[in-house]
Amino acid sequence: MPLVPIELLKKLLAAARQSQALVTVPQSGDGWQPLCAVYRKEFGSVAEKALLADDYKIDKLFKQVQTRIVTEVELEGWGYSSQVFMNLNTPEDLRSAAMSTKGEV
């Protein structure tokens, strides 16, 4: 997720600090963004229990704990689109990102 700006991370941290939730996670048209989320230390025991049960889908755990969802509308209000969560794993991904961000990559 190389397109995630540091200012967005600061906003996520601020949202997490204002909440008692164990997880603060963006949700966009592409679904959950668990790689760009804030997890409180206490969430570790929930995740460990799931891993020991061979359950590797972290987003399933969001229903089990208090979760602060940062909606796509909220992201847009902060000045960001869901494109900031784009993964760049291949040369084609890089070309696509360059085209969608008008060469700012």
Protein backbone atom coordinates (compact mmCIF):
# COMPACT_ATOMS: atom_id res chain seq x y z
CA MET A 1 0.00 0.00 0.00
CA PRO A 2 2.57 2.56 -1.05
CA LEU A 3 -0.05 5.17 -1.89
CA VAL A 4 -1.26 5.58 1.71
CA PRO A 5 -0.14 9.04 2.81
CA ILE A 6 1.22 9.62 6.28
CA GLU A 7 -1.52 12.16 6.96
CA LEU A 8 -4.14 9.43 6.51
CA LEU A 9 -2.28 7.26 9.02
CA LYS A 10 -2.28 10.17 11.47
CA LYS A 11 -6.04 10.55 11.03
CA LEU A 12 -6.55 6.82 11.67
CA LEU A 13 -4.48 7.05 14.85
CA ALA A 14 -6.47 10.07 16.00
CA ALA A 15 -9.74 8.23 15.32
CA ALA A 16 -8.46 5.23 17.29
CA ARG A 17 -7.45 7.44 20.23
CA GLN A 18 -10.94 8.94 20.34
CA SER A 19 -12.52 5.50 20.48
CA GLN A 20 -12.52 2.63 22.93
CA ALA A 21 -12.58 0.14 20.05
CA LEU A 22 -9.95 -2.57 19.83
CA VAL A 23 -9.77 -2.08 16.06
CA THR A 24 -10.03 1.05 13.93
CA VAL A 25 -10.25 -0.01 10.30
CA PRO A 26 -11.15 1.66 7.02
CA GLN A 27 -13.85 0.11 4.88
CA SER A 28 -14.11 1.08 1.23
CA GLY A 29 -15.76 -0.17 -1.93
CA ASP A 30 -13.11 -2.87 -2.05
CA GLY A 31 -14.03 -4.05 1.47
CA TRP A 32 -12.04 -3.96 4.68
CA GLN A 33 -8.53 -2.52 4.70
CA PRO A 34 -7.00 -4.55 7.56
CA LEU A 35 -3.43 -3.81 6.47
CA CYS A 36 -4.08 -0.13 7.09
CA ALA A 37 -5.78 -0.39 10.48
CA VAL A 38 -5.02 0.39 14.10
CA TYR A 39 -5.12 -2.55 16.50
CA ARG A 40 -4.95 -2.16 20.27
CA LYS A 41 -2.63 -4.53 22.10
CA GLU A 42 -5.61 -6.34 23.64
CA PHE A 43 -6.68 -7.47 20.18
CA GLY A 44 -3.65 -9.77 20.13
CA SER A 45 -5.33 -12.36 22.35
CA VAL A 46 -8.40 -12.43 20.09
CA ALA A 47 -6.21 -12.86 17.01
CA GLU A 48 -4.10 -15.53 18.69
CA LYS A 49 -7.19 -17.54 19.63
CA ALA A 50 -8.39 -17.41 16.02
CA LEU A 51 -4.99 -18.46 14.68
CA LEU A 52 -4.85 -21.42 17.08
CA ALA A 53 -8.25 -22.47 15.69
CA ASP A 54 -6.83 -22.27 12.13
CA ASP A 55 -9.01 -19.23 11.37
CA TYR A 56 -6.87 -16.85 9.34
CA LYS A 57 -9.47 -14.29 8.18
CA ILE A 58 -8.86 -11.26 10.37
CA ASP A 59 -11.91 -9.38 9.12
CA LYS A 60 -14.16 -12.05 10.66
CA LEU A 61 -12.82 -10.96 14.05
CA PHE A 62 -14.08 -7.41 13.61
CA LYS A 63 -17.61 -8.62 14.48
CA GLN A 64 -16.34 -10.17 17.71
CA VAL A 65 -14.78 -7.03 19.18
CA GLN A 66 -15.64 -3.37 19.36
CA THR A 67 -14.59 -2.00 15.99
CA ARG A 68 -14.44 1.60 14.84
CA ILE A 69 -15.21 1.56 11.13
CA VAL A 70 -13.87 4.43 9.06
CA THR A 71 -16.34 4.54 6.20
CA GLU A 72 -15.62 5.48 2.62
CA VAL A 73 -17.70 8.64 3.13
CA GLU A 74 -15.55 9.55 6.13
CA LEU A 75 -12.38 8.88 4.11
CA GLU A 76 -13.67 11.16 1.37
CA GLY A 77 -14.41 13.81 3.99
CA TRP A 78 -10.76 13.55 5.02
CA GLY A 79 -9.82 14.09 1.37
CA TYR A 80 -8.95 10.50 0.37
CA SER A 81 -10.39 7.98 -2.04
CA SER A 82 -10.25 4.21 -1.75
CA GLN A 83 -7.47 4.25 -4.35
CA VAL A 84 -4.95 5.03 -1.61
CA PHE A 85 -5.30 1.38 -0.54
CA MET A 86 -4.20 0.05 -3.92
CA ASN A 87 -1.60 -2.70 -3.67
CA LEU A 88 1.28 -2.59 -6.10
CA ASN A 89 2.53 -6.14 -6.53
CA THR A 90 3.28 -6.30 -10.24
CA PRO A 91 4.52 -3.99 -13.00
CA GLU A 92 0.93 -3.90 -14.30
CA ASP A 93 -0.28 -2.71 -10.87
CA LEU A 94 2.28 0.07 -11.01
CA ARG A 95 1.17 1.11 -14.51
CA SER A 96 -2.46 1.07 -13.43
CA ALA A 97 -1.69 3.18 -10.36
CA ALA A 98 0.29 5.64 -12.45
CA MET A 99 -2.65 6.04 -14.83
CA SER A 100 -5.25 6.38 -12.07
CA THR A 101 -3.22 8.90 -10.11
CA LYS A 102 -2.21 10.86 -13.21
CA GLY A 103 1.44 9.89 -13.01
CA GLU A 104 1.94 10.86 -9.36
CA VAL A 105 3.34 7.42 -8.49
